Amino acid sequence: MIYIEKQIAHEDTNQQKVVTLSEISPMWNLRIKQLPIGISVKWLRWYLDLVSASKCIVGEAHGFSSAYTYSCKECGIIGEKFTFYFMIGAYRKIKNNKGRFVKHWNEKHLPTQ
C-alpha cells in the first residue's frame, strides 16, 4: 500500500502544469473575449498592436518582446495568423489559433519543473 501511494505522489510531481491564455497573455485573453465588430477606433488600435511583434498576443507572452521572431518560427507564424484573422474579421479562426498557440506554448515554452 505504501509503495502505491509513493508511486502516485511521484507521478503527480512529474506532471507539468498546463497554462491557459489568461496566464500566457492576460491582456489579449480579455481582448479576444470582446473583439470589436467592424472598423472602429478600438479595432484600429488593436490592429496596430497586432502588427507590432512586441505588442501582439505572442509578444505579450514573451514579455512584450519581439525576440521570439528570431528564436521561435512557430510563434512567428501563429502571431501572423492572429493579425491576418483579425484583419479579415475571421474571429472563429482567431479562437482556433488561440488553441494552437496555447498548445504550442505548453509544449515548447514552459520551463520544465
C-alpha atoms as a PDB file:
ATOM      1  CA  MET A   1       0.000   0.000   0.000  1.00  0.00           C
ATOM      2  CA  ILE A   2       2.798   2.448   0.858  1.00  0.00           C
ATOM      3  CA  TYR A   3       4.531   1.666  -2.463  1.00  0.00           C
ATOM      4  CA  ILE A   4       1.384   2.597  -4.419  1.00  0.00           C
ATOM      5  CA  GLU A   5       0.993   5.898  -2.523  1.00  0.00           C
ATOM      6  CA  LYS A   6       4.631   6.820  -3.176  1.00  0.00           C
ATOM      7  CA  GLN A   7       4.274   5.936  -6.863  1.00  0.00           C
ATOM      8  CA  ILE A   8       1.169   8.134  -7.212  1.00  0.00           C
ATOM      9  CA  ALA A   9       2.889  11.034  -5.412  1.00  0.00           C
ATOM     10  CA  HIS A  10       5.915  10.642  -7.698  1.00  0.00           C
ATOM     11  CA  GLU A  11       3.717  10.689 -10.816  1.00  0.00           C
ATOM     12  CA  ASP A  12       1.918  13.834  -9.602  1.00  0.00           C
ATOM     13  CA  THR A  13       5.180  15.740  -9.131  1.00  0.00           C
ATOM     14  CA  ASN A  14       6.354  14.764 -12.624  1.00  0.00           C
ATOM     15  CA  GLN A  15       3.267  16.198 -14.324  1.00  0.00           C
ATOM     16  CA  GLN A  16       3.834  19.601 -15.844  1.00  0.00           C
ATOM     17  CA  LYS A  17       1.305  22.370 -15.209  1.00  0.00           C
ATOM     18  CA  VAL A  18      -0.695  23.327 -18.279  1.00  0.00           C
ATOM     19  CA  VAL A  19      -1.286  27.060 -18.635  1.00  0.00           C
ATOM     20  CA  THR A  20      -4.126  28.879 -20.384  1.00  0.00           C
ATOM     21  CA  LEU A  21      -4.141  32.021 -22.495  1.00  0.00           C
ATOM     22  CA  SER A  22      -5.236  34.012 -19.438  1.00  0.00           C
ATOM     23  CA  GLU A  23      -1.877  33.134 -17.869  1.00  0.00           C
ATOM     24  CA  ILE A  24       0.197  33.402 -21.052  1.00  0.00           C
ATOM     25  CA  SER A  25      -1.231  36.661 -22.471  1.00  0.00           C
ATOM     26  CA  PRO A  26      -3.744  38.077 -19.969  1.00  0.00           C
ATOM     27  CA  MET A  27      -4.349  41.381 -21.761  1.00  0.00           C
ATOM     28  CA  TRP A  28      -5.038  39.710 -25.109  1.00  0.00           C
ATOM     29  CA  ASN A  29      -7.109  36.997 -23.470  1.00  0.00           C
ATOM     30  CA  LEU A  30      -9.524  39.713 -22.324  1.00  0.00           C
ATOM     31  CA  ARG A  31      -9.456  41.400 -25.727  1.00  0.00           C
ATOM     32  CA  ILE A  32     -10.302  38.167 -27.540  1.00  0.00           C
ATOM     33  CA  LYS A  33     -13.406  37.869 -25.368  1.00  0.00           C
ATOM     34  CA  GLN A  34     -14.642  41.255 -26.643  1.00  0.00           C
ATOM     35  CA  LEU A  35     -13.462  41.521 -30.249  1.00  0.00           C
ATOM     36  CA  PRO A  36     -14.841  44.626 -31.998  1.00  0.00           C
ATOM     37  CA  ILE A  37     -17.183  44.115 -34.918  1.00  0.00           C
ATOM     38  CA  GLY A  38     -16.427  46.356 -37.850  1.00  0.00           C
ATOM     39  CA  ILE A  39     -13.784  49.009 -38.148  1.00  0.00           C
ATOM     40  CA  SER A  40     -13.669  51.427 -35.231  1.00  0.00           C
ATOM     41  CA  VAL A  41     -11.083  53.304 -33.197  1.00  0.00           C
ATOM     42  CA  LYS A  42     -10.788  50.273 -30.916  1.00  0.00           C
ATOM     43  CA  TRP A  43     -10.387  47.954 -33.911  1.00  0.00           C
ATOM     44  CA  LEU A  44      -7.650  50.170 -35.381  1.00  0.00           C
ATOM     45  CA  ARG A  45      -5.776  50.419 -32.057  1.00  0.00           C
ATOM     46  CA  TRP A  46      -5.874  46.629 -31.595  1.00  0.00           C
ATOM     47  CA  TYR A  47      -4.822  46.039 -35.199  1.00  0.00           C
ATOM     48  CA  LEU A  48      -1.809  48.316 -34.719  1.00  0.00           C
ATOM     49  CA  ASP A  49      -0.919  46.350 -31.595  1.00  0.00           C
ATOM     50  CA  LEU A  50      -1.235  43.071 -33.502  1.00  0.00           C
ATOM     51  CA  VAL A  51       1.115  44.154 -36.282  1.00  0.00           C
ATOM     52  CA  SER A  52       3.724  45.119 -33.676  1.00  0.00           C
ATOM     53  CA  ALA A  53       5.672  41.955 -32.825  1.00  0.00           C
ATOM     54  CA  SER A  54       6.267  43.101 -29.251  1.00  0.00           C
ATOM     55  CA  LYS A  55       2.668  44.200 -28.540  1.00  0.00           C
ATOM     56  CA  CYS A  56       0.778  41.336 -30.170  1.00  0.00           C
ATOM     57  CA  ILE A  57      -0.577  38.254 -28.410  1.00  0.00           C
ATOM     58  CA  VAL A  58       2.649  36.306 -28.863  1.00  0.00           C
ATOM     59  CA  GLY A  59       4.793  39.317 -27.944  1.00  0.00           C
ATOM     60  CA  GLU A  60       2.922  39.716 -24.676  1.00  0.00           C
ATOM     61  CA  ALA A  61       3.587  36.060 -23.881  1.00  0.00           C
ATOM     62  CA  HIS A  62       7.290  36.657 -24.467  1.00  0.00           C
ATOM     63  CA  GLY A  63       7.400  39.610 -22.064  1.00  0.00           C
ATOM     64  CA  PHE A  64       6.388  42.252 -24.629  1.00  0.00           C
ATOM     65  CA  SER A  65       9.453  41.407 -26.672  1.00  0.00           C
ATOM     66  CA  SER A  66       9.858  40.754 -30.376  1.00  0.00           C
ATOM     67  CA  ALA A  67      12.848  38.447 -29.839  1.00  0.00           C
ATOM     68  CA  TYR A  68      10.637  35.403 -30.469  1.00  0.00           C
ATOM     69  CA  THR A  69      10.531  36.306 -34.164  1.00  0.00           C
ATOM     70  CA  TYR A  70      14.143  35.125 -34.333  1.00  0.00           C
ATOM     71  CA  SER A  71      14.054  32.324 -31.772  1.00  0.00           C
ATOM     72  CA  CYS A  72      10.747  30.526 -32.485  1.00  0.00           C
ATOM     73  CA  LYS A  73       9.442  30.149 -36.015  1.00  0.00           C
ATOM     74  CA  GLU A  74       6.128  28.658 -34.828  1.00  0.00           C
ATOM     75  CA  CYS A  75       5.422  31.648 -32.564  1.00  0.00           C
ATOM     76  CA  GLY A  76       6.072  33.947 -35.523  1.00  0.00           C
ATOM     77  CA  ILE A  77       3.637  32.032 -37.720  1.00  0.00           C
ATOM     78  CA  ILE A  78       0.979  31.995 -35.013  1.00  0.00           C
ATOM     79  CA  GLY A  79       1.394  35.752 -34.459  1.00  0.00           C
ATOM     80  CA  GLU A  80       0.989  36.439 -38.177  1.00  0.00           C
ATOM     81  CA  LYS A  81      -2.182  34.349 -38.259  1.00  0.00           C
ATOM     82  CA  PHE A  82      -3.683  36.328 -35.362  1.00  0.00           C
ATOM     83  CA  THR A  83      -3.077  39.547 -37.292  1.00  0.00           C
ATOM     84  CA  PHE A  84      -4.471  38.205 -40.570  1.00  0.00           C
ATOM     85  CA  TYR A  85      -7.598  36.687 -38.990  1.00  0.00           C
ATOM     86  CA  PHE A  86      -8.270  39.905 -37.075  1.00  0.00           C
ATOM     87  CA  MET A  87      -7.839  41.993 -40.225  1.00  0.00           C
ATOM     88  CA  ILE A  88     -10.374  39.941 -42.206  1.00  0.00           C
ATOM     89  CA  GLY A  89     -12.774  39.540 -39.278  1.00  0.00           C
ATOM     90  CA  ALA A  90     -12.383  35.755 -39.052  1.00  0.00           C
ATOM     91  CA  TYR A  91     -12.999  35.656 -35.310  1.00  0.00           C
ATOM     92  CA  ARG A  92     -13.721  31.939 -35.214  1.00  0.00           C
ATOM     93  CA  LYS A  93     -10.285  31.329 -36.704  1.00  0.00           C
ATOM     94  CA  ILE A  94      -8.758  33.610 -34.054  1.00  0.00           C
ATOM     95  CA  LYS A  95     -10.223  31.350 -31.391  1.00  0.00           C
ATOM     96  CA  ASN A  96      -8.862  28.264 -33.188  1.00  0.00           C
ATOM     97  CA  ASN A  97      -5.442  29.931 -33.466  1.00  0.00           C
ATOM     98  CA  LYS A  98      -5.644  30.727 -29.749  1.00  0.00           C
ATOM     99  CA  GLY A  99      -5.902  26.990 -29.077  1.00  0.00           C
ATOM    100  CA  ARG A 100      -2.924  26.339 -31.350  1.00  0.00           C
ATOM    101  CA  PHE A 101      -0.889  28.964 -29.510  1.00  0.00           C
ATOM    102  CA  VAL A 102      -1.753  27.644 -26.038  1.00  0.00           C
ATOM    103  CA  LYS A 103      -0.856  24.091 -27.119  1.00  0.00           C
ATOM    104  CA  HIS A 104       2.444  25.261 -28.637  1.00  0.00           C
ATOM    105  CA  TRP A 105       3.293  27.346 -25.562  1.00  0.00           C
ATOM    106  CA  ASN A 106       2.649  24.422 -23.221  1.00  0.00           C
ATOM    107  CA  GLU A 107       4.752  22.071 -25.352  1.00  0.00           C
ATOM    108  CA  LYS A 108       7.701  24.354 -26.157  1.00  0.00           C
ATOM    109  CA  HIS A 109       7.933  27.323 -23.816  1.00  0.00           C
ATOM    110  CA  LEU A 110       7.010  26.189 -20.327  1.00  0.00           C
ATOM    111  CA  PRO A 111      10.002  25.725 -18.070  1.00  0.00           C
ATOM    112  CA  THR A 112      10.439  22.119 -17.014  1.00  0.00           C
ATOM    113  CA  GLN A 113       9.824  21.515 -13.378  1.00  0.00           C
END
